[in-house]
C-alpha atoms as a PDB file:
ATOM      1  CA  MET A   1      -0.159  -0.045   0.097  1.00  0.00           C
ATOM      2  CA  ARG A   2       1.651   3.189  -0.951  1.00  0.00           C
ATOM      3  CA  ARG A   3       1.192   6.361   0.730  1.00  0.00           C
ATOM      4  CA  VAL A   4       0.800   9.490  -2.099  1.00  0.00           C
ATOM      5  CA  PRO A   5       1.901  12.754   0.213  1.00  0.00           C
ATOM      6  CA  LEU A   6      -0.533  15.401   0.517  1.00  0.00           C
ATOM      7  CA  VAL A   7       2.513  18.194   0.120  1.00  0.00           C
ATOM      8  CA  GLU A   8       5.029  18.008  -2.725  1.00  0.00           C
ATOM      9  CA  PRO A   9       8.320  17.384  -0.796  1.00  0.00           C
ATOM     10  CA  PRO A  10      10.926  20.424  -1.794  1.00  0.00           C
ATOM     11  CA  PRO A  11      13.158  19.641  -4.615  1.00  0.00           C
ATOM     12  CA  SER A  12      16.484  19.158  -2.815  1.00  0.00           C
ATOM     13  CA  LEU A  13      14.739  16.299  -0.835  1.00  0.00           C
ATOM     14  CA  LYS A  14      13.635  15.061  -4.220  1.00  0.00           C
ATOM     15  CA  LYS A  15      17.059  15.411  -5.495  1.00  0.00           C
ATOM     16  CA  ARG A  16      18.433  13.345  -2.766  1.00  0.00           C
ATOM     17  CA  LEU A  17      16.352  10.743  -3.126  1.00  0.00           C
ATOM     18  CA  ILE A  18      16.986  10.404  -6.649  1.00  0.00           C
ATOM     19  CA  GLN A  19      20.775  10.363  -5.660  1.00  0.00           C
ATOM     20  CA  ASN A  20      19.854   7.734  -3.008  1.00  0.00           C
ATOM     21  CA  ASN A  21      18.225   5.310  -5.606  1.00  0.00           C
ATOM     22  CA  GLN A  22      21.331   6.049  -8.053  1.00  0.00           C
ATOM     23  CA  ALA A  23      23.613   5.002  -5.699  1.00  0.00           C
ATOM     24  CA  PHE A  24      21.621   2.065  -4.468  1.00  0.00           C
ATOM     25  CA  PHE A  25      21.514   0.758  -8.077  1.00  0.00           C
ATOM     26  CA  VAL A  26      25.150   1.234  -8.467  1.00  0.00           C
ATOM     27  CA  PHE A  27      25.687  -0.598  -5.308  1.00  0.00           C
ATOM     28  CA  LYS A  28      23.674  -3.612  -6.391  1.00  0.00           C
ATOM     29  CA  ALA A  29      25.213  -3.568  -9.715  1.00  0.00           C
ATOM     30  CA  PHE A  30      28.607  -3.544  -7.892  1.00  0.00           C
ATOM     31  CA  LEU A  31      27.611  -6.442  -5.727  1.00  0.00           C
ATOM     32  CA  LYS A  32      26.183  -8.600  -8.722  1.00  0.00           C
ATOM     33  CA  PHE A  33      29.420  -7.940 -10.888  1.00  0.00           C
ATOM     34  CA  ARG A  34      31.647  -9.168  -7.780  1.00  0.00           C
ATOM     35  CA  VAL A  35      29.733 -12.149  -7.529  1.00  0.00           C
ATOM     36  CA  LYS A  36      29.689 -12.925 -10.800  1.00  0.00           C
ATOM     37  CA  PHE A  37      33.955 -12.397 -10.963  1.00  0.00           C
ATOM     38  CA  LEU A  38      34.849 -13.546  -7.758  1.00  0.00           C
END
């Protein structure tokens, strides 16, 4: 169940969330890469 925020978060917070998402995906790809080539 997703909660939709009533107030739009400030752009700075949005940007930080997007950066965290990208870092998370890079981290996951890195882990997969390491498992593959260990």
